Each structure stands twice: as C-alpha cells, then as structure tokens.
C-alpha cells in the first residue's frame, strides 16, 4: 500500500489517494504526467504521509477517479 500525492510547487498542502504499487499505478502516473507536464505540479508516491511533513496538509481523496480529476484541474 502507498499514497500517490499531487503537489503544486508554489502552494502549501497536497491532494492524496491511497493506492497500490504496480503496473496500474505506473500507467496512471504516466498518463497524469502527460497532462501536467510543465505546469508546476509534482506527483510523488510515498509510504506514510506522517513521514513527509513537507507535503502537509494532506487532502485525502476517496477514489482514484476523483484524484485524477483533481490533478487535471491543478494543471
């Protein structure tokens, strides 16, 4: 289990979704990176939000689809 987060470089906080490592995650990150390339948004996979205070506060989203929609709106 891991968390995929999206962080805008010039803003505090991030959005996050709980997910799993693997091909599906890799494909989703590649798809989203194409959408947000050069737009000041960073995608990062982390194991424990509590270990990464630099991304706080976390807004945890319930579904991967919600996460994708929100990331696309950040760009």
N, C-alpha and C. Protein backbone atom coordinates (compact mmCIF):
# COMPACT_ATOMS: atom_id res chain seq x y z
N UNK A 1 0.84 -1.17 0.00
CA UNK A 1 0.00 0.00 0.00
C UNK A 1 0.88 1.24 0.00
N UNK A 2 0.43 2.27 -0.72
CA UNK A 2 1.17 3.52 -0.77
C UNK A 2 0.16 4.64 -1.02
N UNK A 3 0.67 5.84 -1.05
CA UNK A 3 -0.15 7.01 -1.35
C UNK A 3 0.46 7.74 -2.53
N UNK A 4 -0.39 8.13 -3.45
CA UNK A 4 0.05 8.97 -4.56
C UNK A 4 -0.41 10.37 -4.22
N UNK A 5 0.54 11.31 -4.26
CA UNK A 5 0.19 12.69 -3.95
C UNK A 5 0.48 13.58 -5.15
N UNK A 6 -0.26 14.68 -5.20
CA UNK A 6 -0.04 15.72 -6.20
C UNK A 6 0.17 17.02 -5.45
N UNK A 7 1.28 17.66 -5.71
CA UNK A 7 1.68 18.89 -5.02
C UNK A 7 1.97 19.98 -6.03
N UNK A 8 1.30 21.12 -5.85
CA UNK A 8 1.64 22.29 -6.66
C UNK A 8 2.86 22.93 -6.01
N UNK A 9 3.88 23.25 -6.82
CA UNK A 9 5.15 23.74 -6.30
C UNK A 9 5.02 24.99 -5.44
N UNK A 10 4.16 25.91 -5.81
CA UNK A 10 4.09 27.19 -5.12
C UNK A 10 2.99 27.28 -4.08
N UNK A 11 2.38 26.17 -3.71
CA UNK A 11 1.29 26.18 -2.74
C UNK A 11 1.55 25.19 -1.62
N UNK A 12 0.94 25.48 -0.48
CA UNK A 12 1.06 24.59 0.67
C UNK A 12 0.02 23.48 0.56
N UNK A 13 0.38 22.29 1.01
CA UNK A 13 -0.55 21.17 1.02
C UNK A 13 -0.55 20.39 -0.28
N UNK A 14 -1.32 19.30 -0.28
CA UNK A 14 -1.40 18.46 -1.46
C UNK A 14 -2.69 17.66 -1.42
N UNK A 15 -2.98 16.99 -2.53
CA UNK A 15 -4.06 16.03 -2.54
C UNK A 15 -3.44 14.64 -2.61
N UNK A 16 -4.12 13.66 -2.06
CA UNK A 16 -3.56 12.31 -1.98
C UNK A 16 -4.65 11.27 -2.14
N UNK A 17 -4.23 10.09 -2.59
CA UNK A 17 -5.14 8.95 -2.67
C UNK A 17 -4.36 7.70 -2.29
N UNK A 18 -5.01 6.81 -1.54
CA UNK A 18 -4.40 5.54 -1.17
C UNK A 18 -4.48 4.62 -2.38
N UNK A 19 -3.38 3.95 -2.69
CA UNK A 19 -3.31 3.08 -3.86
C UNK A 19 -2.34 1.94 -3.60
N UNK A 20 -2.05 1.18 -4.63
CA UNK A 20 -1.10 0.06 -4.52
C UNK A 20 -0.02 0.20 -5.58
N UNK A 21 1.17 -0.25 -5.24
CA UNK A 21 2.27 -0.29 -6.21
C UNK A 21 1.91 -1.26 -7.33
N UNK A 22 2.44 -1.01 -8.51
CA UNK A 22 2.25 -1.95 -9.60
C UNK A 22 2.03 -1.26 -10.93
N UNK A 23 1.70 -2.06 -11.91
CA UNK A 23 1.57 -1.56 -13.28
C UNK A 23 0.45 -0.53 -13.41
N UNK A 24 -0.66 -0.76 -12.73
CA UNK A 24 -1.78 0.18 -12.80
C UNK A 24 -1.38 1.57 -12.29
N UNK A 25 -0.65 1.60 -11.18
CA UNK A 25 -0.16 2.87 -10.63
C UNK A 25 0.82 3.52 -11.60
N UNK A 26 1.73 2.74 -12.14
CA UNK A 26 2.70 3.25 -13.10
C UNK A 26 2.01 3.86 -14.32
N UNK A 27 1.02 3.17 -14.84
CA UNK A 27 0.28 3.69 -16.00
C UNK A 27 -0.45 4.98 -15.67
N UNK A 28 -1.05 5.04 -14.48
CA UNK A 28 -1.77 6.24 -14.08
C UNK A 28 -0.81 7.43 -13.94
N UNK A 29 0.34 7.21 -13.33
CA UNK A 29 1.33 8.28 -13.17
C UNK A 29 1.81 8.78 -14.54
N UNK A 30 2.07 7.86 -15.44
CA UNK A 30 2.50 8.25 -16.80
C UNK A 30 1.42 9.07 -17.50
N UNK A 31 0.17 8.64 -17.39
CA UNK A 31 -0.95 9.35 -18.00
C UNK A 31 -1.08 10.76 -17.43
N UNK A 32 -1.02 10.86 -16.11
CA UNK A 32 -1.16 12.16 -15.46
C UNK A 32 0.03 13.07 -15.76
N UNK A 33 1.23 12.51 -15.79
CA UNK A 33 2.41 13.32 -16.11
C UNK A 33 2.30 13.95 -17.49
N UNK A 34 1.71 13.25 -18.44
CA UNK A 34 1.50 13.82 -19.78
C UNK A 34 0.57 15.02 -19.70
N UNK A 35 -0.43 14.96 -18.84
CA UNK A 35 -1.42 16.04 -18.70
C UNK A 35 -0.83 17.27 -18.00
N UNK A 36 0.05 17.03 -17.02
CA UNK A 36 0.52 18.13 -16.17
C UNK A 36 1.94 18.58 -16.47
N UNK A 37 2.57 18.01 -17.45
CA UNK A 37 3.95 18.33 -17.77
C UNK A 37 4.15 19.84 -17.94
N UNK A 38 5.12 20.38 -17.21
CA UNK A 38 5.45 21.80 -17.31
C UNK A 38 4.47 22.73 -16.63
N UNK A 39 3.58 22.22 -15.79
CA UNK A 39 2.54 23.05 -15.18
C UNK A 39 2.75 23.28 -13.69
N UNK A 40 3.91 22.91 -13.16
CA UNK A 40 4.21 23.19 -11.76
C UNK A 40 3.53 22.25 -10.78
N UNK A 41 3.24 21.03 -11.22
CA UNK A 41 2.63 20.04 -10.34
C UNK A 41 3.56 18.83 -10.28
N UNK A 42 3.78 18.35 -9.07
CA UNK A 42 4.66 17.21 -8.83
C UNK A 42 3.83 16.03 -8.36
N UNK A 43 4.05 14.86 -8.94
CA UNK A 43 3.44 13.62 -8.48
C UNK A 43 4.50 12.82 -7.73
N UNK A 44 4.14 12.34 -6.55
CA UNK A 44 5.09 11.59 -5.72
C UNK A 44 4.35 10.42 -5.08
N UNK A 45 5.01 9.28 -5.01
CA UNK A 45 4.48 8.12 -4.29
C UNK A 45 5.21 8.03 -2.96
N UNK A 46 4.43 7.95 -1.88
CA UNK A 46 5.02 7.86 -0.54
C UNK A 46 4.40 6.68 0.21
N UNK A 47 5.10 6.23 1.24
CA UNK A 47 4.60 5.10 2.02
C UNK A 47 3.74 5.53 3.20
N UNK A 48 4.14 6.62 3.86
CA UNK A 48 3.41 7.08 5.05
C UNK A 48 3.35 8.60 5.04
N UNK A 49 2.15 9.17 4.97
CA UNK A 49 2.05 10.63 4.99
C UNK A 49 2.71 11.27 6.22
N UNK A 50 2.64 10.61 7.36
CA UNK A 50 3.21 11.18 8.58
C UNK A 50 4.73 11.35 8.49
N UNK A 51 5.36 10.64 7.58
CA UNK A 51 6.82 10.74 7.42
C UNK A 51 7.24 11.87 6.49
N UNK A 52 6.27 12.51 5.84
CA UNK A 52 6.58 13.54 4.84
C UNK A 52 5.83 14.84 5.17
N UNK A 53 6.26 15.49 6.21
CA UNK A 53 5.63 16.72 6.67
C UNK A 53 5.70 17.86 5.67
N UNK A 54 6.66 17.81 4.74
CA UNK A 54 6.79 18.90 3.77
C UNK A 54 5.59 18.99 2.81
N UNK A 55 4.77 17.95 2.76
CA UNK A 55 3.61 17.96 1.87
C UNK A 55 2.31 18.30 2.60
N UNK A 56 2.35 18.48 3.90
CA UNK A 56 1.16 18.76 4.70
C UNK A 56 0.57 20.13 4.37
N UNK A 57 -0.71 20.32 4.57
CA UNK A 57 -1.71 19.33 4.96
C UNK A 57 -2.12 18.47 3.77
N UNK A 58 -2.48 17.23 4.07
CA UNK A 58 -2.93 16.28 3.06
C UNK A 58 -4.44 16.35 2.94
N UNK A 59 -4.94 16.42 1.74
CA UNK A 59 -6.37 16.26 1.49
C UNK A 59 -6.53 14.87 0.89
N UNK A 60 -7.03 13.93 1.69
CA UNK A 60 -7.18 12.55 1.26
C UNK A 60 -8.47 12.39 0.45
N UNK A 61 -8.33 11.89 -0.76
CA UNK A 61 -9.48 11.66 -1.62
C UNK A 61 -9.88 10.19 -1.55
N UNK A 62 -11.15 9.94 -1.76
CA UNK A 62 -11.69 8.58 -1.60
C UNK A 62 -11.42 7.68 -2.79
N UNK A 63 -11.35 8.23 -4.00
CA UNK A 63 -11.22 7.36 -5.17
C UNK A 63 -10.12 7.86 -6.11
N UNK A 64 -9.60 6.92 -6.88
CA UNK A 64 -8.58 7.25 -7.88
C UNK A 64 -9.17 8.17 -8.94
N UNK A 65 -10.42 7.95 -9.31
CA UNK A 65 -11.06 8.81 -10.32
C UNK A 65 -11.16 10.25 -9.84
N UNK A 66 -11.53 10.45 -8.57
CA UNK A 66 -11.57 11.80 -8.01
C UNK A 66 -10.17 12.42 -8.04
N UNK A 67 -9.16 11.62 -7.70
CA UNK A 67 -7.79 12.10 -7.70
C UNK A 67 -7.39 12.55 -9.10
N UNK A 68 -7.64 11.72 -10.10
CA UNK A 68 -7.29 12.07 -11.48
C UNK A 68 -7.97 13.37 -11.91
N UNK A 69 -9.26 13.49 -11.62
CA UNK A 69 -10.00 14.71 -11.98
C UNK A 69 -9.40 15.94 -11.32
N UNK A 70 -9.06 15.84 -10.05
CA UNK A 70 -8.49 16.99 -9.34
C UNK A 70 -7.11 17.35 -9.86
N UNK A 71 -6.28 16.35 -10.16
CA UNK A 71 -4.94 16.62 -10.67
C UNK A 71 -5.05 17.35 -12.01
N UNK A 72 -5.93 16.92 -12.86
CA UNK A 72 -6.09 17.56 -14.16
C UNK A 72 -6.53 19.01 -14.02
N UNK A 73 -7.27 19.32 -12.98
CA UNK A 73 -7.71 20.70 -12.74
C UNK A 73 -6.59 21.56 -12.16
N UNK A 74 -5.60 20.93 -11.52
CA UNK A 74 -4.46 21.68 -11.00
C UNK A 74 -3.61 22.24 -12.14
N UNK A 75 -3.54 21.49 -13.20
CA UNK A 75 -2.65 21.83 -14.31
C UNK A 75 -3.19 22.98 -15.14
